[in-house]
Protein backbone atom coordinates (compact mmCIF):
# COMPACT_ATOMS: atom_id res chain seq x y z
CA MET A 1 -63.20 31.84 0.29
CA ASP A 2 -59.95 30.03 -0.63
CA TYR A 3 -58.87 30.32 -4.26
CA VAL A 4 -56.23 28.84 -6.54
CA VAL A 5 -54.82 30.45 -9.54
CA THR A 6 -53.03 28.31 -12.07
CA CYS A 7 -50.46 29.35 -14.65
CA ALA A 8 -47.77 27.82 -17.03
CA PHE A 9 -44.60 26.65 -15.34
CA GLY A 10 -41.94 29.25 -15.20
CA ILE A 11 -44.15 32.41 -14.95
CA GLU A 12 -45.28 32.08 -11.42
CA ALA A 13 -43.25 35.16 -10.31
CA VAL A 14 -44.93 37.31 -12.99
CA LEU A 15 -48.36 36.07 -11.84
CA LYS A 16 -47.56 36.77 -8.28
CA ARG A 17 -46.52 40.35 -8.99
CA GLU A 18 -49.82 40.80 -10.95
CA MET A 19 -51.85 39.41 -7.95
CA GLN A 20 -49.93 41.69 -5.46
CA ALA A 21 -50.64 44.75 -7.70
CA LEU A 22 -54.41 43.81 -7.50
CA GLY A 23 -54.19 43.68 -3.79
CA LEU A 24 -55.04 39.95 -3.56
CA ASN A 25 -54.17 38.15 -0.26
CA ILE A 26 -51.70 35.48 -1.33
CA THR A 27 -51.28 32.65 1.10
CA ARG A 28 -48.82 30.32 -0.59
CA SER A 29 -47.49 29.18 -3.95
CA THR A 30 -46.22 26.07 -5.63
CA ASN A 31 -45.23 25.14 -9.16
CA GLY A 32 -47.81 26.33 -11.54
CA ARG A 33 -50.33 27.67 -8.95
CA ILE A 34 -50.73 30.46 -6.32
CA TYR A 35 -53.23 30.35 -3.53
CA PHE A 36 -55.13 33.34 -2.18
CA GLN A 37 -58.08 34.24 0.04
CA GLY A 38 -60.80 36.81 -0.55
CA ASP A 39 -64.39 37.73 -1.17
CA GLN A 40 -66.36 37.68 -4.41
CA LYS A 41 -64.75 40.86 -5.54
CA ALA A 42 -61.30 39.14 -5.31
CA LEU A 43 -62.66 36.37 -7.55
CA PHE A 44 -63.89 38.93 -10.07
CA LYS A 45 -60.71 40.82 -10.06
CA ALA A 46 -58.60 37.72 -10.57
CA ASN A 47 -60.59 36.51 -13.63
CA LEU A 48 -60.92 39.94 -15.16
CA HIS A 49 -57.55 41.42 -14.67
CA LEU A 50 -54.79 38.63 -14.39
CA ARG A 51 -52.89 38.53 -17.72
CA THR A 52 -50.80 35.34 -17.07
CA ALA A 53 -53.25 33.12 -15.20
CA ASP A 54 -54.78 30.15 -16.91
CA ARG A 55 -57.73 29.59 -14.54
CA VAL A 56 -59.13 30.66 -11.17
CA PHE A 57 -60.56 27.98 -8.96
CA ILE A 58 -62.40 27.94 -5.71
CA LEU A 59 -60.65 25.46 -3.32
CA LEU A 60 -63.58 23.54 -1.84
CA GLY A 61 -61.41 21.25 0.27
CA GLN A 62 -58.08 19.53 0.68
CA SER A 63 -57.04 16.40 2.52
CA LYS A 64 -54.77 13.40 2.73
CA VAL A 65 -56.50 10.41 1.16
CA MET A 66 -54.96 6.87 0.50
CA SER A 67 -58.03 4.89 -0.33
CA TYR A 68 -61.17 5.28 -2.29
CA ASP A 69 -63.24 4.95 0.86
CA ALA A 70 -61.34 7.83 2.34
CA LEU A 71 -61.88 9.90 -0.85
CA PHE A 72 -65.59 9.14 -0.75
CA ASP A 73 -65.96 10.00 2.92
CA PHE A 74 -63.86 13.23 2.50
CA ILE A 75 -66.08 14.47 -0.48
CA LYS A 76 -69.24 13.55 1.18
CA GLY A 77 -68.35 15.45 4.37
CA LEU A 78 -67.47 18.86 2.60
CA PRO A 79 -69.90 21.74 3.02
CA LEU A 80 -70.61 21.66 -0.86
CA SER A 81 -74.15 23.09 -0.58
CA GLU A 82 -72.57 26.51 0.28
CA THR A 83 -71.17 26.56 -3.22
CA LEU A 84 -73.04 23.94 -5.40
CA SER A 85 -76.78 24.11 -6.20
CA SER A 86 -79.36 21.32 -6.11
CA LYS A 87 -80.00 21.63 -9.84
CA GLY A 88 -76.50 21.79 -11.27
CA LYS A 89 -74.85 19.77 -13.93
CA TYR A 90 -71.67 18.42 -12.61
CA HIS A 91 -68.55 17.48 -14.72
CA ILE A 92 -65.63 15.99 -12.93
CA ASN A 93 -62.00 16.07 -14.15
CA ALA A 94 -59.39 14.01 -12.31
CA LYS A 95 -55.72 13.60 -12.29
CA ALA A 96 -53.20 11.89 -9.97
CA VAL A 97 -49.43 12.24 -9.61
CA LYS A 98 -47.31 10.14 -7.25
CA SER A 99 -50.40 8.92 -5.28
CA THR A 100 -51.81 5.72 -4.03
CA LEU A 101 -55.03 6.49 -6.02
CA TYR A 102 -53.87 6.60 -9.63
CA SER A 103 -56.84 5.87 -11.85
CA PRO A 104 -58.55 9.15 -13.10
CA ARG A 105 -61.65 7.21 -14.14
CA ASP A 106 -62.13 5.66 -10.72
CA ILE A 107 -61.36 9.01 -8.93
CA GLN A 108 -64.01 10.68 -11.18
CA SER A 109 -66.56 7.97 -10.49
CA ILE A 110 -66.07 7.97 -6.59
CA THR A 111 -66.17 11.66 -6.55
CA LYS A 112 -69.31 11.99 -8.48
CA LYS A 113 -71.10 9.53 -6.25
CA ALA A 114 -69.91 11.25 -3.17
CA LEU A 115 -70.85 14.66 -4.41
CA ILE A 116 -74.42 13.63 -5.31
CA GLU A 117 -74.86 11.83 -1.91
CA ASN A 118 -73.64 15.05 -0.20
CA LEU A 119 -76.02 17.27 -2.01
CA LYS A 120 -78.99 14.90 -1.60
CA VAL A 121 -78.55 15.11 2.25
CA ALA A 122 -77.83 18.85 2.15
CA TYR A 123 -80.96 19.64 0.05
CA LYS A 124 -83.13 16.81 1.46
CA LYS A 125 -83.60 15.14 -1.90
CA THR A 126 -84.06 11.57 -2.81
CA GLU A 127 -83.06 11.93 -6.35
CA PHE A 128 -80.78 14.37 -8.14
CA LYS A 129 -81.58 15.62 -11.60
CA GLU A 130 -78.75 17.48 -13.26
CA GLU A 131 -80.65 19.98 -15.30
CA GLY A 132 -79.43 23.42 -14.04
CA GLU A 133 -76.18 25.43 -14.35
CA TYR A 134 -72.92 23.96 -15.22
CA TYR A 135 -70.23 23.25 -12.72
CA ARG A 136 -66.79 21.97 -13.68
CA LEU A 137 -64.76 20.43 -10.77
CA SER A 138 -61.17 19.15 -10.87
CA ILE A 139 -60.08 16.54 -8.41
CA GLU A 140 -56.30 16.61 -8.27
CA LEU A 141 -54.12 14.21 -6.24
CA LEU A 142 -50.43 14.92 -5.63
CA ASN A 143 -48.39 12.85 -3.20
CA ASP A 144 -51.71 11.46 -1.75
CA THR A 145 -53.15 14.95 -1.00
CA VAL A 146 -56.40 15.69 -2.83
CA GLU A 147 -57.73 19.07 -3.69
CA VAL A 148 -61.36 19.70 -4.81
CA LEU A 149 -61.39 22.66 -7.14
CA LEU A 150 -64.35 24.42 -8.70
CA ASP A 151 -63.46 26.18 -11.96
CA THR A 152 -64.74 29.84 -12.02
CA SER A 153 -63.22 30.77 -15.24
CA GLY A 154 -64.83 28.51 -17.88
CA GLU A 155 -62.66 28.61 -21.04
CA SER A 156 -59.03 29.09 -20.20
CA LEU A 157 -58.05 32.74 -19.48
CA HIS A 158 -55.66 32.84 -22.35
CA LYS A 159 -58.79 33.08 -24.62
CA ARG A 160 -59.25 36.81 -24.44
CA GLY A 161 -61.74 36.78 -27.30
CA TYR A 162 -59.70 38.85 -29.74
CA ARG A 163 -57.74 36.17 -31.62
CA LEU A 164 -60.15 35.45 -34.53
CA LYS A 165 -57.33 34.14 -36.74
CA GLN A 166 -53.97 32.51 -35.85
CA GLY A 167 -50.99 31.00 -37.73
CA ILE A 168 -49.07 27.75 -37.22
CA ALA A 169 -47.85 27.02 -33.64
CA PRO A 170 -49.35 30.12 -32.07
CA LEU A 171 -48.04 31.72 -28.85
CA LYS A 172 -50.52 31.57 -26.06
CA GLU A 173 -51.79 35.04 -25.05
CA THR A 174 -50.89 34.42 -21.30
CA LEU A 175 -47.36 33.47 -22.21
CA ALA A 176 -46.99 36.46 -24.63
CA SER A 177 -48.10 38.72 -21.77
CA ALA A 178 -45.49 37.23 -19.52
CA LEU A 179 -42.78 37.71 -22.03
CA VAL A 180 -43.55 41.49 -22.18
CA GLN A 181 -43.79 41.69 -18.44
CA LEU A 182 -40.32 39.91 -18.12
CA SER A 183 -38.78 42.57 -20.42
CA PHE A 184 -37.78 46.18 -19.83
CA TYR A 185 -40.83 47.36 -21.78
CA ASN A 186 -42.93 50.05 -20.44
CA GLU A 187 -45.45 52.54 -21.96
CA GLY A 188 -42.85 54.94 -23.09
CA ARG A 189 -40.42 52.59 -24.88
CA VAL A 190 -40.39 51.50 -28.55
CA LEU A 191 -41.35 47.82 -28.81
CA TYR A 192 -40.68 45.93 -32.03
CA ASP A 193 -41.50 42.27 -33.06
CA PRO A 194 -39.81 41.47 -36.39
CA PHE A 195 -41.57 38.05 -36.67
CA CYS A 196 -44.95 39.17 -35.50
CA GLY A 197 -47.05 36.42 -37.04
CA SER A 198 -50.67 36.88 -35.79
CA GLY A 199 -49.49 39.70 -33.53
CA THR A 200 -50.00 38.14 -30.09
CA ILE A 201 -46.97 39.72 -28.48
CA LEU A 202 -47.75 43.13 -29.81
CA ILE A 203 -51.35 42.97 -28.89
CA GLU A 204 -50.56 41.89 -25.35
CA ALA A 205 -48.08 44.71 -24.98
CA ALA A 206 -50.61 47.24 -26.41
CA MET A 207 -53.22 45.92 -23.92
CA ILE A 208 -50.78 46.56 -21.18
CA ALA A 209 -49.96 50.00 -22.48
CA LYS A 210 -53.67 50.94 -22.77
CA ASN A 211 -54.44 49.17 -19.40
CA ILE A 212 -57.14 47.10 -21.07
CA ALA A 213 -58.14 44.29 -18.69
CA PRO A 214 -57.64 40.99 -20.53
CA GLY A 215 -61.05 39.66 -19.56
CA LEU A 216 -63.24 42.49 -20.64
CA SER A 217 -64.34 40.86 -23.88
CA ARG A 218 -65.23 37.34 -22.57
CA ASP A 219 -67.57 35.46 -20.30
CA PHE A 220 -66.79 33.43 -17.19
CA ALA A 221 -68.23 30.31 -15.59
CA PHE A 222 -69.00 32.00 -12.25
CA LEU A 223 -71.60 34.20 -13.98
CA ALA A 224 -73.93 31.09 -13.93
CA PHE A 225 -73.49 30.47 -10.19
CA PRO A 226 -76.70 31.54 -8.35
CA TRP A 227 -74.91 33.01 -5.38
CA VAL A 228 -72.68 35.32 -7.39
CA ASP A 229 -73.34 39.07 -7.10
CA LYS A 230 -73.61 39.83 -10.88
CA GLN A 231 -74.27 43.56 -10.30
CA ALA A 232 -71.08 43.81 -8.37
CA PHE A 233 -69.16 42.17 -11.22
CA GLN A 234 -70.76 44.60 -13.73
CA THR A 235 -69.65 47.49 -11.53
CA LEU A 236 -66.18 46.23 -11.59
CA LYS A 237 -66.25 45.84 -15.31
CA LYS A 238 -67.34 49.50 -15.76
CA GLU A 239 -64.45 50.57 -13.48
CA ALA A 240 -62.14 48.64 -15.76
CA TYR A 241 -63.53 50.34 -18.91
CA LYS A 242 -62.98 53.78 -17.31
CA ALA A 243 -59.39 52.86 -16.43
CA ILE A 244 -58.38 52.29 -20.06
CA ASN A 245 -55.61 54.64 -21.20
CA HIS A 246 -56.72 55.80 -24.72
CA SER A 247 -53.42 57.77 -25.36
CA PRO A 248 -50.43 55.77 -24.36
CA LYS A 249 -46.81 56.91 -25.07
CA GLY A 250 -44.28 55.13 -27.09
CA ARG A 251 -44.47 53.05 -30.26
CA ILE A 252 -45.33 49.40 -30.82
CA LEU A 253 -44.22 48.04 -34.23
CA GLY A 254 -44.50 44.67 -35.89
CA SER A 255 -43.28 43.27 -39.18
CA ASP A 256 -43.44 39.98 -40.99
CA ASN A 257 -42.53 38.77 -44.55
CA ASP A 258 -45.89 36.86 -44.65
CA MET A 259 -48.70 39.08 -45.86
CA MET A 260 -51.45 36.58 -44.76
CA ALA A 261 -49.94 36.62 -41.17
CA LEU A 262 -50.01 40.38 -41.12
CA GLU A 263 -53.59 40.41 -42.17
CA MET A 264 -54.37 38.09 -39.25
CA ALA A 265 -52.50 40.41 -36.96
CA LYS A 266 -54.35 43.45 -38.06
CA THR A 267 -57.70 41.71 -37.65
CA ASN A 268 -56.79 40.54 -34.13
CA ALA A 269 -55.53 44.05 -33.18
CA ILE A 270 -58.85 45.44 -34.23
CA GLU A 271 -60.79 42.95 -32.16
CA ALA A 272 -58.61 43.69 -29.19
CA GLY A 273 -59.13 47.46 -29.53
CA VAL A 274 -55.38 48.27 -29.90
CA GLU A 275 -55.11 48.82 -33.73
CA ASP A 276 -54.61 52.51 -33.20
CA ILE A 277 -51.27 52.07 -31.42
CA ILE A 278 -49.61 49.16 -33.34
CA ASP A 279 -47.90 49.84 -36.82
CA PHE A 280 -47.62 46.81 -38.93
CA GLU A 281 -45.14 46.48 -41.88
CA PHE A 282 -44.71 43.90 -44.64
CA ILE A 283 -40.92 43.67 -44.66
CA ASP A 284 -38.17 41.20 -44.03
CA PHE A 285 -36.51 41.83 -40.68
CA GLU A 286 -33.10 42.45 -42.29
CA ASP A 287 -34.50 45.41 -44.23
CA HIS A 288 -36.13 47.17 -41.13
CA PRO A 289 -34.38 50.50 -40.66
CA PHE A 290 -34.10 50.35 -36.84
CA THR A 291 -34.02 54.24 -36.55
CA GLU A 292 -35.27 54.32 -32.88
CA GLU A 293 -32.60 54.18 -30.12
CA TYR A 294 -33.07 52.05 -26.92
CA GLY A 295 -35.72 49.91 -28.53
CA ILE A 296 -36.93 46.60 -27.28
CA ILE A 297 -37.28 43.57 -29.37
CA ILE A 298 -39.56 40.76 -28.17
CA THR A 299 -39.97 37.95 -30.65
CA ASN A 300 -40.93 34.30 -31.33
CA PRO A 301 -38.76 33.55 -34.39
CA PRO A 302 -39.92 30.85 -36.81
CA TYR A 303 -38.86 27.41 -35.85
CA GLY A 304 -40.15 23.78 -36.03
CA GLU A 305 -43.54 23.84 -37.70
CA ARG A 306 -42.94 27.26 -39.18
CA LEU A 307 -39.69 26.31 -40.98
CA GLU A 308 -39.15 23.43 -43.26
CA THR A 309 -35.60 22.31 -42.06
CA ILE A 310 -33.07 22.68 -39.31
CA GLU A 311 -30.81 24.28 -41.89
CA ASP A 312 -33.44 27.03 -42.55
CA ALA A 313 -33.53 27.75 -38.80
CA GLU A 314 -29.77 28.03 -38.54
CA ILE A 315 -29.51 30.37 -41.56
CA LEU A 316 -32.27 32.59 -39.95
CA TYR A 317 -30.63 32.71 -36.58
CA ARG A 318 -27.30 33.65 -37.91
CA LYS A 319 -28.88 36.46 -39.86
CA MET A 320 -30.57 37.65 -36.68
CA GLY A 321 -27.24 37.50 -34.92
CA ALA A 322 -25.62 39.82 -37.49
CA GLN A 323 -28.53 42.22 -37.36
CA PHE A 324 -28.81 42.36 -33.59
CA LYS A 325 -25.01 42.91 -33.25
CA ARG A 326 -25.54 46.28 -34.82
CA LEU A 327 -28.26 47.31 -32.35
CA LYS A 328 -26.01 48.53 -29.53
CA THR A 329 -28.76 50.27 -27.53
CA TYR A 330 -31.47 47.53 -27.92
CA SER A 331 -32.66 45.10 -25.36
CA ILE A 332 -33.54 41.77 -27.18
CA TYR A 333 -35.74 38.99 -25.99
CA LEU A 334 -36.22 35.72 -27.93
CA ILE A 335 -38.42 32.69 -27.16
CA THR A 336 -37.76 29.49 -29.11
CA SER A 337 -37.58 25.79 -28.73
CA TYR A 338 -34.41 25.77 -30.90
CA PRO A 339 -31.56 24.47 -28.68
CA GLY A 340 -28.54 26.26 -30.17
CA VAL A 341 -29.62 29.91 -30.29
CA GLU A 342 -26.71 31.41 -28.33
CA GLY A 343 -24.18 29.74 -30.47
CA LEU A 344 -25.80 30.91 -33.78
CA LEU A 345 -26.21 34.49 -32.37
CA HIS A 346 -22.59 34.35 -31.12
CA LYS A 347 -23.63 35.90 -27.79
CA LYS A 348 -24.52 34.40 -24.43
CA ALA A 349 -27.85 35.67 -23.02
CA ASP A 350 -27.74 37.69 -19.78
CA ARG A 351 -30.57 35.45 -18.57
CA THR A 352 -32.35 32.45 -19.82
CA ARG A 353 -35.78 31.12 -18.58
CA VAL A 354 -37.39 27.78 -19.24
CA LEU A 355 -41.04 28.48 -20.23
CA PHE A 356 -43.86 26.23 -21.55
CA ASN A 357 -46.06 27.21 -24.47
CA GLY A 358 -48.83 24.61 -23.82
CA ASN A 359 -46.73 21.30 -23.80
CA ILE A 360 -43.87 22.74 -25.70
CA LYS A 361 -40.70 23.41 -23.71
CA THR A 362 -39.11 26.70 -24.82
CA ARG A 363 -36.34 29.00 -23.56
CA TYR A 364 -36.60 32.65 -23.13
CA TYR A 365 -33.25 34.41 -23.98
CA GLN A 366 -32.82 37.83 -22.51
CA TYR A 367 -30.24 40.18 -23.77
CA TYR A 368 -30.10 43.43 -21.74
CA GLY A 369 -29.28 46.72 -23.45
CA PRO A 370 -28.22 49.99 -21.77
CA LYS A 371 -30.75 52.10 -20.06
CA PRO A 372 -32.08 55.09 -21.99
CA LEU A 373 -30.18 58.31 -21.45
């Protein structure tokens, strides 16, 4: 089958490396999506193991269309019965960008009619009752090219199942994992988040250190599809459980001056199965002793909804700059939507990436420290 994996803009390179490590056969990539081919096992692996992916789709078809009649004929001619059942419930999402067909509502309506006609012919039925398993399809047009996509993930893959509680303006789990993977962090290094909030960065790092597959504690839409080999998927899950590293090296530390946030973080860490390797501390970041050398700081400092005024943010970032200046051997990574970070820290980042946390545009400032001796 042909598959499409989607992700947030800016982390395509991270996702591609993950897919290559899983042995997935990548065919091409564009902004926010990577295409690959494979069997059912490839589908299972992508949903179960990819840390930075939003969703995994089956690509049912692709074509150039510039009229609703052409769209109808294209959908009606696809071999949909190979994937879709005669009893399914079908929900259609549509979006169009820079295309002749621009109305999502009309695209949805035409697609649904063509899909039902297609399946009536394939299954030799005169009526079509949608009373079986659920299928969510996306019809996406870009520059007059339409893709018909079947969602295999269900809820977005950033929903690991561990975050029972969260604070204001939470960082998505997929983005937090990307931040860790874009840093110098590895299992043997000390990682510290001085503004840990509900603990997402730390938990994602700990899951990497323990080699816990991000999809182990959740369900997927494909499990309802009749043609899926569910036994093969269970076998893959068992292999993932066996691969967990229960004694990783290094230390993972988190602190916050908000006790309620720390309680959230501890609860989430327990749910994720990583509470044994994360140390949480109720302390202001200025008072942390920083006794470890060659540490790594990855953090999402308060800003916007988490601080009352711009002046509060400027005071905080200046304090951070003074503290970080003393950490000669540290590598420091900050993600924020605040526009003047480098000026307040009095240091230009070695690299800056534009990343999106949902619809919020942020920048990831990367300050590289020396390699450990």
